[in-house]
Amino acid sequence: MAADKIPGERTAAHRSRRKSIKKCLNTFCICLFGAAATACIAALTFGLVVLRVKTPTVKLTSVAVKHLQYGFSPTPFMEATLTGEMTMENPNYGAFEYEGVGNVTLIYYGVVVGIGEVKRLSVNAKSIEKREFNVKVKPNWRFVNVDYFSDDLGRLKTMNMSWNAEFEGKIDLLKLFKEKKISVLKCSTSLNLTSHGVQNLACL
C-alpha cells in the first residue's frame, strides 16, 4: 500500500515545485517591469530637467555716470560717459558661450545716442556672470526731437533712455549637443542731469 502512494506523492511534489517556479517567475517579471518603469521615469526626468534648454537671462544691474556736461550754446547739447554693469544668468546644465562683440544700444526718443561693446562672454552651467561696459552718449540735435531735448535739458533736467542688446550663443549640454539661444536685454533708465546719477532702472 505504501508503494502505491509514492507516485501520488511525487505528483504532488512536482506540482508544488511547478507552483514555486511559477511564483518565482511572476515575482521576477514584476521586479523586471518595476525596474523598467523606474528606468523610464528616470530617463524622462533626465530629459525634461537636464536636457531641457532655457534661454539665459540678461539684465542691466547698475549704471554709473563717469562724465556729464550739457548746455544750450549755440544749440542744445549733451555729452556723457556711462558705465553699465550687466549680469547674465544661465539656468541650464550646460555652459553658455557667446562669441564676438555684442552692441548695447542706448536709445533716446527712438534715436540711437550711444553704443557700448560687450566682448566675448561665457557663463558656466547654473551660474551668473557679470560684465562692465562703457557707453559714450552724444545726442545729435539734428536727429533727436529738439523740443523734447530742450525741455529735458532745461526744465525737467532728466533724460529717459532705453537700453537694448542681443547676445547670440550656444548651450553646450553635457558634450552631447549644442543648441543656439539668443538672450535679449531690454531696460530703461532716467539720467538725472542735476545729481549726475541714473534712476528708475527697470528691465523686462
N, C-alpha and C. Protein backbone atom coordinates (compact mmCIF):
# COMPACT_ATOMS: atom_id res chain seq x y z
N MET A 1 0.83 -1.20 0.00
CA MET A 1 0.00 0.00 0.00
C MET A 1 0.86 1.25 0.00
N ALA A 2 1.98 1.21 0.73
CA ALA A 2 2.87 2.37 0.79
C ALA A 2 3.47 2.65 -0.56
N ALA A 3 3.73 1.54 -1.32
CA ALA A 3 4.34 1.74 -2.64
C ALA A 3 3.36 2.40 -3.59
N ASP A 4 2.03 2.17 -3.37
CA ASP A 4 1.03 2.77 -4.26
C ASP A 4 0.94 4.28 -4.07
N LYS A 5 1.35 4.79 -2.89
CA LYS A 5 1.24 6.22 -2.62
C LYS A 5 2.41 7.01 -3.17
N ILE A 6 3.47 6.33 -3.52
CA ILE A 6 4.68 7.05 -3.96
C ILE A 6 4.44 7.87 -5.22
N PRO A 7 3.81 7.32 -6.28
CA PRO A 7 3.56 8.14 -7.48
C PRO A 7 2.72 9.37 -7.18
N GLY A 8 1.72 9.26 -6.33
CA GLY A 8 0.89 10.41 -5.98
C GLY A 8 1.67 11.47 -5.25
N GLU A 9 2.53 11.00 -4.35
CA GLU A 9 3.35 11.95 -3.61
C GLU A 9 4.31 12.67 -4.54
N ARG A 10 4.85 11.90 -5.50
CA ARG A 10 5.76 12.53 -6.48
C ARG A 10 5.01 13.57 -7.32
N THR A 11 3.78 13.25 -7.70
CA THR A 11 2.98 14.20 -8.49
C THR A 11 2.70 15.47 -7.71
N ALA A 12 2.37 15.31 -6.42
CA ALA A 12 2.10 16.48 -5.58
C ALA A 12 3.35 17.33 -5.42
N ALA A 13 4.49 16.65 -5.23
CA ALA A 13 5.75 17.38 -5.08
C ALA A 13 6.09 18.12 -6.37
N HIS A 14 5.80 17.44 -7.51
CA HIS A 14 6.07 18.06 -8.81
C HIS A 14 5.20 19.29 -9.01
N ARG A 15 3.92 19.18 -8.62
CA ARG A 15 3.02 20.33 -8.74
C ARG A 15 3.47 21.47 -7.83
N SER A 16 3.89 21.12 -6.63
CA SER A 16 4.35 22.15 -5.70
C SER A 16 5.58 22.87 -6.24
N ARG A 17 6.49 22.05 -6.87
CA ARG A 17 7.69 22.65 -7.45
C ARG A 17 7.33 23.57 -8.61
N ARG A 18 6.37 23.17 -9.43
CA ARG A 18 5.93 23.99 -10.55
C ARG A 18 5.31 25.30 -10.08
N LYS A 19 4.53 25.21 -8.99
CA LYS A 19 3.93 26.41 -8.43
C LYS A 19 5.01 27.37 -7.92
N SER A 20 6.03 26.80 -7.27
CA SER A 20 7.11 27.63 -6.75
C SER A 20 7.87 28.32 -7.88
N ILE A 21 8.14 27.54 -8.95
CA ILE A 21 8.84 28.12 -10.10
C ILE A 21 8.00 29.22 -10.75
N LYS A 22 6.70 28.94 -10.89
CA LYS A 22 5.80 29.93 -11.49
C LYS A 22 5.74 31.19 -10.65
N LYS A 23 5.71 31.01 -9.32
CA LYS A 23 5.68 32.16 -8.42
C LYS A 23 6.95 32.98 -8.54
N CYS A 24 8.09 32.27 -8.64
CA CYS A 24 9.37 32.97 -8.79
C CYS A 24 9.42 33.74 -10.10
N LEU A 25 8.90 33.11 -11.17
CA LEU A 25 8.88 33.78 -12.47
C LEU A 25 7.99 35.02 -12.42
N ASN A 26 6.85 34.90 -11.77
CA ASN A 26 5.96 36.06 -11.64
C ASN A 26 6.62 37.19 -10.87
N THR A 27 7.29 36.81 -9.78
CA THR A 27 7.99 37.81 -8.97
C THR A 27 9.10 38.47 -9.78
N PHE A 28 9.83 37.65 -10.55
CA PHE A 28 10.91 38.19 -11.39
C PHE A 28 10.36 39.15 -12.45
N CYS A 29 9.24 38.76 -13.06
CA CYS A 29 8.63 39.62 -14.09
C CYS A 29 8.16 40.94 -13.49
N ILE A 30 7.58 40.86 -12.28
CA ILE A 30 7.12 42.08 -11.62
C ILE A 30 8.30 42.99 -11.31
N CYS A 31 9.38 42.39 -10.79
CA CYS A 31 10.58 43.18 -10.47
C CYS A 31 11.18 43.78 -11.74
N LEU A 32 11.21 42.98 -12.82
CA LEU A 32 11.76 43.46 -14.08
C LEU A 32 10.92 44.61 -14.63
N PHE A 33 9.60 44.47 -14.55
CA PHE A 33 8.71 45.53 -15.01
C PHE A 33 8.89 46.79 -14.17
N GLY A 34 9.03 46.61 -12.84
CA GLY A 34 9.24 47.75 -11.96
C GLY A 34 10.55 48.47 -12.27
N ALA A 35 11.61 47.68 -12.52
CA ALA A 35 12.91 48.28 -12.86
C ALA A 35 12.83 49.04 -14.18
N ALA A 36 12.13 48.45 -15.16
CA ALA A 36 11.98 49.12 -16.45
C ALA A 36 11.18 50.41 -16.32
N ALA A 37 10.12 50.37 -15.50
CA ALA A 37 9.31 51.57 -15.29
C ALA A 37 10.12 52.65 -14.59
N THR A 38 10.93 52.24 -13.60
CA THR A 38 11.78 53.20 -12.90
C THR A 38 12.80 53.82 -13.84
N ALA A 39 13.38 52.98 -14.72
CA ALA A 39 14.35 53.48 -15.69
C ALA A 39 13.70 54.47 -16.66
N CYS A 40 12.47 54.17 -17.07
CA CYS A 40 11.76 55.07 -17.99
C CYS A 40 11.46 56.40 -17.32
N ILE A 41 11.04 56.35 -16.05
CA ILE A 41 10.76 57.58 -15.31
C ILE A 41 12.03 58.40 -15.14
N ALA A 42 13.14 57.71 -14.82
CA ALA A 42 14.42 58.40 -14.65
C ALA A 42 14.87 59.04 -15.95
N ALA A 43 14.71 58.30 -17.07
CA ALA A 43 15.09 58.85 -18.37
C ALA A 43 14.22 60.04 -18.75
N LEU A 44 12.92 59.93 -18.45
CA LEU A 44 12.00 61.03 -18.75
C LEU A 44 12.34 62.26 -17.91
N THR A 45 12.62 62.04 -16.63
CA THR A 45 13.00 63.15 -15.75
C THR A 45 14.29 63.79 -16.22
N PHE A 46 15.25 62.96 -16.60
CA PHE A 46 16.53 63.47 -17.11
C PHE A 46 16.32 64.32 -18.36
N GLY A 47 15.44 63.84 -19.24
CA GLY A 47 15.18 64.58 -20.47
C GLY A 47 14.46 65.89 -20.22
N LEU A 48 13.51 65.88 -19.28
CA LEU A 48 12.72 67.09 -19.02
C LEU A 48 13.49 68.12 -18.20
N VAL A 49 14.34 67.65 -17.30
CA VAL A 49 15.04 68.57 -16.40
C VAL A 49 16.43 68.93 -16.92
N VAL A 50 17.23 67.93 -17.21
CA VAL A 50 18.63 68.19 -17.58
C VAL A 50 18.77 68.64 -19.02
N LEU A 51 18.07 67.96 -19.93
CA LEU A 51 18.24 68.25 -21.35
C LEU A 51 17.32 69.35 -21.86
N ARG A 52 16.47 69.87 -21.00
CA ARG A 52 15.60 70.97 -21.41
C ARG A 52 16.40 72.27 -21.43
N VAL A 53 16.46 72.91 -22.58
CA VAL A 53 17.30 74.11 -22.75
C VAL A 53 16.45 75.37 -22.58
N LYS A 54 16.91 76.25 -21.70
CA LYS A 54 16.25 77.53 -21.48
C LYS A 54 17.17 78.66 -21.93
N THR A 55 16.55 79.78 -22.29
CA THR A 55 17.32 80.94 -22.72
C THR A 55 17.91 81.67 -21.52
N PRO A 56 19.23 81.89 -21.50
CA PRO A 56 19.84 82.65 -20.41
C PRO A 56 19.25 84.06 -20.33
N THR A 57 19.08 84.56 -19.12
CA THR A 57 18.51 85.89 -18.93
C THR A 57 19.63 86.91 -18.70
N VAL A 58 19.47 88.07 -19.30
CA VAL A 58 20.47 89.13 -19.17
C VAL A 58 19.77 90.40 -18.71
N LYS A 59 20.36 91.07 -17.72
CA LYS A 59 19.77 92.28 -17.16
C LYS A 59 20.85 93.32 -16.89
N LEU A 60 20.44 94.56 -16.95
CA LEU A 60 21.29 95.68 -16.57
C LEU A 60 21.09 95.90 -15.07
N THR A 61 22.17 95.78 -14.29
CA THR A 61 22.04 95.85 -12.83
C THR A 61 22.40 97.21 -12.25
N SER A 62 23.27 97.96 -12.92
CA SER A 62 23.63 99.28 -12.42
C SER A 62 24.24 100.12 -13.54
N VAL A 63 24.13 101.44 -13.39
CA VAL A 63 24.72 102.38 -14.34
C VAL A 63 25.33 103.53 -13.55
N ALA A 64 26.59 103.83 -13.83
CA ALA A 64 27.29 104.93 -13.17
C ALA A 64 27.66 105.99 -14.20
N VAL A 65 27.59 107.25 -13.78
CA VAL A 65 27.94 108.37 -14.67
C VAL A 65 29.40 108.75 -14.42
N LYS A 66 30.23 108.59 -15.44
CA LYS A 66 31.64 108.93 -15.33
C LYS A 66 31.93 110.37 -15.76
N HIS A 67 31.16 110.84 -16.70
CA HIS A 67 31.36 112.20 -17.22
C HIS A 67 30.03 112.71 -17.75
N LEU A 68 29.75 114.00 -17.49
CA LEU A 68 28.49 114.58 -17.97
C LEU A 68 28.62 116.09 -18.10
N GLN A 69 28.25 116.58 -19.25
CA GLN A 69 28.14 118.02 -19.45
C GLN A 69 27.05 118.30 -20.48
N TYR A 70 26.38 119.44 -20.30
CA TYR A 70 25.31 119.80 -21.23
C TYR A 70 25.15 121.32 -21.24
N GLY A 71 24.47 121.82 -22.25
CA GLY A 71 24.26 123.26 -22.36
C GLY A 71 23.38 123.59 -23.54
N PHE A 72 23.33 124.88 -23.90
CA PHE A 72 22.43 125.33 -24.96
C PHE A 72 23.13 126.22 -25.99
N SER A 73 24.42 126.39 -25.88
CA SER A 73 25.11 127.31 -26.78
C SER A 73 26.08 126.56 -27.69
N PRO A 74 25.99 126.72 -29.00
CA PRO A 74 24.98 127.54 -29.69
C PRO A 74 23.64 126.82 -29.87
N THR A 75 23.66 125.49 -29.71
CA THR A 75 22.44 124.69 -29.80
C THR A 75 22.43 123.73 -28.61
N PRO A 76 21.27 123.12 -28.29
CA PRO A 76 21.23 122.17 -27.17
C PRO A 76 22.21 121.01 -27.40
N PHE A 77 22.99 120.69 -26.36
CA PHE A 77 23.94 119.59 -26.49
C PHE A 77 24.08 118.89 -25.14
N MET A 78 24.51 117.64 -25.22
CA MET A 78 24.78 116.85 -24.02
C MET A 78 25.80 115.78 -24.37
N GLU A 79 26.80 115.63 -23.54
CA GLU A 79 27.80 114.58 -23.69
C GLU A 79 27.98 113.88 -22.35
N ALA A 80 28.07 112.56 -22.40
CA ALA A 80 28.23 111.81 -21.16
C ALA A 80 28.93 110.49 -21.45
N THR A 81 29.58 109.98 -20.42
CA THR A 81 30.16 108.64 -20.47
C THR A 81 29.55 107.84 -19.33
N LEU A 82 28.87 106.76 -19.69
CA LEU A 82 28.19 105.92 -18.71
C LEU A 82 28.86 104.55 -18.64
N THR A 83 28.96 104.02 -17.44
CA THR A 83 29.48 102.66 -17.24
C THR A 83 28.36 101.78 -16.73
N GLY A 84 28.01 100.80 -17.52
CA GLY A 84 26.94 99.89 -17.15
C GLY A 84 27.48 98.54 -16.69
N GLU A 85 26.75 97.92 -15.78
CA GLU A 85 27.07 96.56 -15.35
C GLU A 85 25.88 95.67 -15.64
N MET A 86 26.13 94.59 -16.35
CA MET A 86 25.07 93.65 -16.68
C MET A 86 25.40 92.27 -16.13
N THR A 87 24.36 91.50 -15.86
CA THR A 87 24.53 90.12 -15.41
C THR A 87 23.80 89.19 -16.38
N MET A 88 24.41 88.05 -16.62
CA MET A 88 23.77 87.01 -17.42
C MET A 88 23.67 85.75 -16.58
N GLU A 89 22.45 85.25 -16.43
CA GLU A 89 22.20 84.06 -15.63
C GLU A 89 21.89 82.88 -16.54
N ASN A 90 22.64 81.81 -16.38
CA ASN A 90 22.46 80.61 -17.19
C ASN A 90 21.79 79.53 -16.34
N PRO A 91 20.51 79.20 -16.59
CA PRO A 91 19.80 78.22 -15.78
C PRO A 91 20.00 76.78 -16.24
N ASN A 92 20.80 76.57 -17.28
CA ASN A 92 20.95 75.24 -17.88
C ASN A 92 22.05 74.42 -17.22
N TYR A 93 22.05 73.12 -17.54
CA TYR A 93 23.07 72.21 -17.04
C TYR A 93 24.28 72.15 -17.97
N GLY A 94 24.34 73.05 -18.91
CA GLY A 94 25.47 73.17 -19.82
C GLY A 94 25.90 74.62 -19.92
N ALA A 95 27.15 74.85 -20.27
CA ALA A 95 27.68 76.21 -20.35
C ALA A 95 27.11 76.96 -21.54
N PHE A 96 26.97 78.27 -21.37
CA PHE A 96 26.53 79.15 -22.46
C PHE A 96 27.72 79.98 -22.90
N GLU A 97 28.01 79.97 -24.19
CA GLU A 97 29.15 80.73 -24.69
C GLU A 97 28.70 81.66 -25.80
N TYR A 98 28.96 82.94 -25.57
CA TYR A 98 28.65 83.97 -26.56
C TYR A 98 29.97 84.47 -27.13
N GLU A 99 30.12 84.36 -28.44
CA GLU A 99 31.37 84.75 -29.08
C GLU A 99 31.20 86.06 -29.84
N GLY A 100 32.29 86.77 -29.95
CA GLY A 100 32.26 88.02 -30.70
C GLY A 100 32.01 89.20 -29.80
N VAL A 101 31.50 90.27 -30.39
CA VAL A 101 31.23 91.51 -29.67
C VAL A 101 29.75 91.83 -29.79
N GLY A 102 29.12 92.09 -28.65
CA GLY A 102 27.71 92.48 -28.65
C GLY A 102 27.58 93.97 -28.42
N ASN A 103 26.69 94.60 -29.15
CA ASN A 103 26.48 96.03 -29.02
C ASN A 103 25.26 96.32 -28.15
N VAL A 104 25.48 97.11 -27.10
CA VAL A 104 24.38 97.60 -26.28
C VAL A 104 24.05 99.00 -26.76
N THR A 105 22.87 99.19 -27.30
CA THR A 105 22.49 100.50 -27.85
C THR A 105 21.66 101.27 -26.84
N LEU A 106 21.96 102.55 -26.74
CA LEU A 106 21.23 103.46 -25.86
C LEU A 106 20.33 104.34 -26.73
N ILE A 107 19.03 104.31 -26.45
CA ILE A 107 18.05 104.96 -27.33
C ILE A 107 17.32 106.07 -26.57
N TYR A 108 17.23 107.22 -27.23
CA TYR A 108 16.55 108.39 -26.65
C TYR A 108 15.50 108.86 -27.65
N TYR A 109 14.23 108.71 -27.28
CA TYR A 109 13.11 109.06 -28.16
C TYR A 109 13.27 108.44 -29.55
N GLY A 110 13.59 107.15 -29.57
CA GLY A 110 13.66 106.41 -30.83
C GLY A 110 14.94 106.59 -31.61
N VAL A 111 15.89 107.36 -31.09
CA VAL A 111 17.14 107.63 -31.80
C VAL A 111 18.31 107.04 -31.00
N VAL A 112 19.20 106.33 -31.67
CA VAL A 112 20.38 105.77 -31.02
C VAL A 112 21.35 106.90 -30.68
N VAL A 113 21.66 107.05 -29.39
CA VAL A 113 22.55 108.14 -28.96
C VAL A 113 23.85 107.62 -28.36
N GLY A 114 24.00 106.30 -28.28
CA GLY A 114 25.23 105.73 -27.75
C GLY A 114 25.28 104.23 -27.96
N ILE A 115 26.50 103.70 -28.08
CA ILE A 115 26.70 102.26 -28.28
C ILE A 115 27.83 101.79 -27.38
N GLY A 116 27.58 100.72 -26.64
CA GLY A 116 28.60 100.11 -25.80
C GLY A 116 28.91 98.70 -26.28
N GLU A 117 30.15 98.27 -26.12
CA GLU A 117 30.57 96.95 -26.59
C GLU A 117 30.79 96.00 -25.41
N VAL A 118 30.21 94.81 -25.55
CA VAL A 118 30.42 93.74 -24.57
C VAL A 118 31.13 92.61 -25.29
N LYS A 119 32.35 92.34 -24.88
CA LYS A 119 33.14 91.32 -25.57
C LYS A 119 32.73 89.92 -25.16
N ARG A 120 33.45 88.94 -25.69
CA ARG A 120 33.12 87.53 -25.53
C ARG A 120 32.71 87.20 -24.09
N LEU A 121 31.62 86.46 -23.99
CA LEU A 121 31.04 86.15 -22.69
C LEU A 121 30.77 84.66 -22.58
N SER A 122 31.20 84.05 -21.49
CA SER A 122 30.97 82.63 -21.25
C SER A 122 30.42 82.46 -19.84
N VAL A 123 29.31 81.73 -19.72
CA VAL A 123 28.67 81.52 -18.42
C VAL A 123 28.56 80.01 -18.17
N ASN A 124 29.14 79.56 -17.07
CA ASN A 124 29.09 78.14 -16.74
C ASN A 124 27.67 77.70 -16.40
N ALA A 125 27.48 76.39 -16.34
CA ALA A 125 26.17 75.84 -16.01
C ALA A 125 25.72 76.31 -14.63
N LYS A 126 24.45 76.69 -14.54
CA LYS A 126 23.85 77.12 -13.28
C LYS A 126 24.66 78.24 -12.62
N SER A 127 25.12 79.20 -13.42
CA SER A 127 25.97 80.26 -12.89
C SER A 127 25.50 81.62 -13.39
N ILE A 128 26.07 82.66 -12.76
CA ILE A 128 25.80 84.05 -13.13
C ILE A 128 27.13 84.74 -13.41
N GLU A 129 27.21 85.44 -14.52
CA GLU A 129 28.43 86.15 -14.90
C GLU A 129 28.13 87.64 -15.03
N LYS A 130 29.09 88.48 -14.59
CA LYS A 130 28.94 89.93 -14.67
C LYS A 130 29.90 90.50 -15.71
N ARG A 131 29.46 91.59 -16.35
CA ARG A 131 30.30 92.29 -17.31
C ARG A 131 30.06 93.79 -17.19
N GLU A 132 31.13 94.57 -17.34
CA GLU A 132 31.03 96.02 -17.39
C GLU A 132 31.32 96.52 -18.80
N PHE A 133 30.70 97.62 -19.16
CA PHE A 133 30.92 98.21 -20.48
C PHE A 133 30.69 99.71 -20.39
N ASN A 134 31.30 100.44 -21.29
CA ASN A 134 31.18 101.90 -21.32
C ASN A 134 30.37 102.33 -22.54
N VAL A 135 29.60 103.38 -22.34
CA VAL A 135 28.80 103.96 -23.43
C VAL A 135 29.05 105.47 -23.46
N LYS A 136 29.46 105.95 -24.61
CA LYS A 136 29.59 107.40 -24.80
C LYS A 136 28.30 107.92 -25.41
N VAL A 137 27.66 108.82 -24.68
CA VAL A 137 26.35 109.35 -25.09
C VAL A 137 26.54 110.75 -25.66
N LYS A 138 26.03 110.94 -26.87
CA LYS A 138 26.13 112.26 -27.50
C LYS A 138 24.97 112.43 -28.47
N PRO A 139 23.81 112.87 -27.96
CA PRO A 139 22.67 113.09 -28.85
C PRO A 139 22.97 114.20 -29.85
N ASN A 140 22.60 113.97 -31.08
CA ASN A 140 22.77 114.98 -32.13
C ASN A 140 21.45 115.72 -32.30
N TRP A 141 21.46 117.02 -32.04
CA TRP A 141 20.21 117.79 -32.06
C TRP A 141 19.56 117.79 -33.44
N ARG A 142 20.33 117.41 -34.46
CA ARG A 142 19.75 117.37 -35.81
C ARG A 142 18.83 116.16 -35.99
N PHE A 143 19.04 115.12 -35.17
CA PHE A 143 18.27 113.89 -35.34
C PHE A 143 17.23 113.67 -34.24
N VAL A 144 17.50 114.16 -33.04
CA VAL A 144 16.53 113.99 -31.96
C VAL A 144 15.48 115.09 -32.05
N ASN A 145 14.37 114.89 -31.34
CA ASN A 145 13.33 115.91 -31.28
C ASN A 145 13.84 117.09 -30.45
N VAL A 146 14.07 118.22 -31.11
CA VAL A 146 14.69 119.37 -30.45
C VAL A 146 13.83 119.89 -29.31
N ASP A 147 12.52 119.89 -29.48
CA ASP A 147 11.63 120.39 -28.42
C ASP A 147 11.74 119.53 -27.16
N TYR A 148 11.68 118.20 -27.34
CA TYR A 148 11.82 117.30 -26.19
C TYR A 148 13.21 117.43 -25.57
N PHE A 149 14.21 117.49 -26.42
CA PHE A 149 15.60 117.57 -25.96
C PHE A 149 15.81 118.85 -25.13
N SER A 150 15.34 119.96 -25.64
CA SER A 150 15.50 121.24 -24.93
C SER A 150 14.73 121.24 -23.62
N ASP A 151 13.53 120.66 -23.62
CA ASP A 151 12.72 120.61 -22.41
C ASP A 151 13.37 119.72 -21.35
N ASP A 152 13.92 118.58 -21.78
CA ASP A 152 14.59 117.68 -20.84
C ASP A 152 15.83 118.34 -20.23
N LEU A 153 16.59 119.05 -21.05
CA LEU A 153 17.81 119.70 -20.56
C LEU A 153 17.50 120.91 -19.68
N GLY A 154 16.54 121.71 -20.11
CA GLY A 154 16.30 122.98 -19.42
C GLY A 154 15.32 122.91 -18.27
N ARG A 155 14.19 122.24 -18.45
CA ARG A 155 13.14 122.27 -17.43
C ARG A 155 13.14 121.01 -16.56
N LEU A 156 13.11 119.83 -17.19
CA LEU A 156 12.98 118.58 -16.44
C LEU A 156 14.30 118.12 -15.83
N LYS A 157 15.40 118.48 -16.47
CA LYS A 157 16.73 118.04 -16.01
C LYS A 157 16.82 116.52 -15.94
N THR A 158 16.07 115.85 -16.80
CA THR A 158 16.04 114.38 -16.81
C THR A 158 15.92 113.89 -18.24
N MET A 159 16.66 112.83 -18.56
CA MET A 159 16.57 112.21 -19.88
C MET A 159 16.23 110.73 -19.71
N ASN A 160 15.08 110.33 -20.24
CA ASN A 160 14.66 108.93 -20.18
C ASN A 160 15.20 108.19 -21.40
N MET A 161 15.91 107.11 -21.14
CA MET A 161 16.54 106.36 -22.23
C MET A 161 16.34 104.86 -22.03
N SER A 162 16.40 104.12 -23.12
CA SER A 162 16.27 102.66 -23.07
C SER A 162 17.56 102.00 -23.55
N TRP A 163 17.79 100.79 -23.04
CA TRP A 163 18.99 100.02 -23.36
C TRP A 163 18.56 98.72 -24.02
N ASN A 164 19.12 98.44 -25.20
CA ASN A 164 18.75 97.23 -25.93
C ASN A 164 20.00 96.48 -26.40
N ALA A 165 19.93 95.16 -26.35
CA ALA A 165 21.05 94.34 -26.84
C ALA A 165 20.57 92.92 -27.07
N GLU A 166 21.28 92.20 -27.95
CA GLU A 166 21.03 90.78 -28.19
C GLU A 166 22.36 90.04 -28.12
N PHE A 167 22.35 88.92 -27.41
CA PHE A 167 23.55 88.09 -27.27
C PHE A 167 23.23 86.69 -27.78
N GLU A 168 23.83 86.34 -28.90
CA GLU A 168 23.58 85.04 -29.51
C GLU A 168 24.72 84.09 -29.19
N GLY A 169 24.38 82.94 -28.64
CA GLY A 169 25.40 81.96 -28.28
C GLY A 169 24.84 80.55 -28.31
N LYS A 170 25.63 79.61 -27.80
CA LYS A 170 25.23 78.21 -27.82
C LYS A 170 25.34 77.60 -26.42
N ILE A 171 24.36 76.75 -26.12
CA ILE A 171 24.36 75.97 -24.88
C ILE A 171 25.00 74.62 -25.18
N ASP A 172 26.06 74.29 -24.45
CA ASP A 172 26.75 73.00 -24.63
C ASP A 172 26.29 72.06 -23.52
N LEU A 173 25.39 71.13 -23.88
CA LEU A 173 24.80 70.24 -22.89
C LEU A 173 25.56 68.92 -22.79
N LEU A 174 26.32 68.80 -21.70
CA LEU A 174 27.00 67.55 -21.35
C LEU A 174 27.81 66.97 -22.51
N LYS A 175 28.32 67.84 -23.36
CA LYS A 175 29.13 67.42 -24.51
C LYS A 175 28.33 66.55 -25.49
N LEU A 176 27.00 66.56 -25.34
CA LEU A 176 26.16 65.73 -26.21
C LEU A 176 25.71 66.49 -27.45
N PHE A 177 25.24 67.70 -27.25
CA PHE A 177 24.81 68.51 -28.38
C PHE A 177 24.83 69.98 -27.97
N LYS A 178 24.75 70.86 -28.97
CA LYS A 178 24.73 72.30 -28.74
C LYS A 178 23.46 72.89 -29.33
N GLU A 179 22.90 73.84 -28.62
CA GLU A 179 21.68 74.50 -29.10
C GLU A 179 21.86 76.01 -29.03
N LYS A 180 21.46 76.67 -30.10
CA LYS A 180 21.62 78.13 -30.19
C LYS A 180 20.50 78.83 -29.43
N LYS A 181 20.88 79.87 -28.69
CA LYS A 181 19.92 80.69 -27.96
C LYS A 181 20.31 82.16 -28.08
N ILE A 182 19.30 83.03 -28.04
CA ILE A 182 19.53 84.48 -28.11
C ILE A 182 18.96 85.12 -26.85
N SER A 183 19.84 85.73 -26.06
CA SER A 183 19.42 86.44 -24.85
C SER A 183 19.22 87.91 -25.19
N VAL A 184 18.10 88.46 -24.76
CA VAL A 184 17.74 89.84 -25.11
C VAL A 184 17.77 90.72 -23.87
N LEU A 185 18.42 91.87 -24.01
CA LEU A 185 18.47 92.87 -22.95
C LEU A 185 17.54 94.02 -23.32
N LYS A 186 16.57 94.31 -22.43
CA LYS A 186 15.67 95.44 -22.63
C LYS A 186 15.46 96.12 -21.28
N CYS A 187 16.04 97.29 -21.14
CA CYS A 187 15.95 98.02 -19.88
C CYS A 187 15.69 99.50 -20.14
N SER A 188 15.28 100.20 -19.10
CA SER A 188 15.05 101.64 -19.21
C SER A 188 15.64 102.34 -17.99
N THR A 189 16.10 103.57 -18.19
CA THR A 189 16.68 104.36 -17.10
C THR A 189 16.32 105.83 -17.28
N SER A 190 16.54 106.59 -16.22
CA SER A 190 16.38 108.04 -16.26
C SER A 190 17.70 108.66 -15.81
N LEU A 191 18.26 109.50 -16.66
CA LEU A 191 19.52 110.18 -16.34
C LEU A 191 19.20 111.53 -15.71
N ASN A 192 19.57 111.69 -14.45
CA ASN A 192 19.33 112.93 -13.72
C ASN A 192 20.49 113.89 -13.98
N LEU A 193 20.21 114.97 -14.69
CA LEU A 193 21.27 115.91 -15.06
C LEU A 193 21.74 116.76 -13.88
N THR A 194 20.92 116.88 -12.86
CA THR A 194 21.28 117.68 -11.69
C THR A 194 22.20 116.92 -10.75
N SER A 195 21.82 115.69 -10.43
CA SER A 195 22.61 114.88 -9.49
C SER A 195 23.69 114.06 -10.17
N HIS A 196 23.69 114.06 -11.50
CA HIS A 196 24.63 113.23 -12.27
C HIS A 196 24.50 111.76 -11.88
N GLY A 197 23.27 111.33 -11.70
CA GLY A 197 23.01 109.94 -11.34
C GLY A 197 21.99 109.32 -12.26
N VAL A 198 21.88 108.00 -12.20
CA VAL A 198 20.93 107.25 -13.01
C VAL A 198 19.86 106.67 -12.10
N GLN A 199 18.60 106.89 -12.46
CA GLN A 199 17.48 106.48 -11.62
C GLN A 199 16.51 105.60 -12.41
N ASN A 200 15.58 105.00 -11.67
CA ASN A 200 14.46 104.25 -12.25
C ASN A 200 14.93 103.16 -13.22
N LEU A 201 15.94 102.42 -12.81
CA LEU A 201 16.42 101.31 -13.64
C LEU A 201 15.42 100.17 -13.57
N ALA A 202 14.93 99.75 -14.74
CA ALA A 202 13.97 98.65 -14.81
C ALA A 202 14.24 97.83 -16.06
N CYS A 203 14.14 96.51 -15.93
CA CYS A 203 14.38 95.60 -17.05
C CYS A 203 13.20 94.66 -17.21
N LEU A 204 12.94 94.28 -18.45
CA LEU A 204 11.87 93.33 -18.74
C LEU A 204 12.37 91.91 -18.53
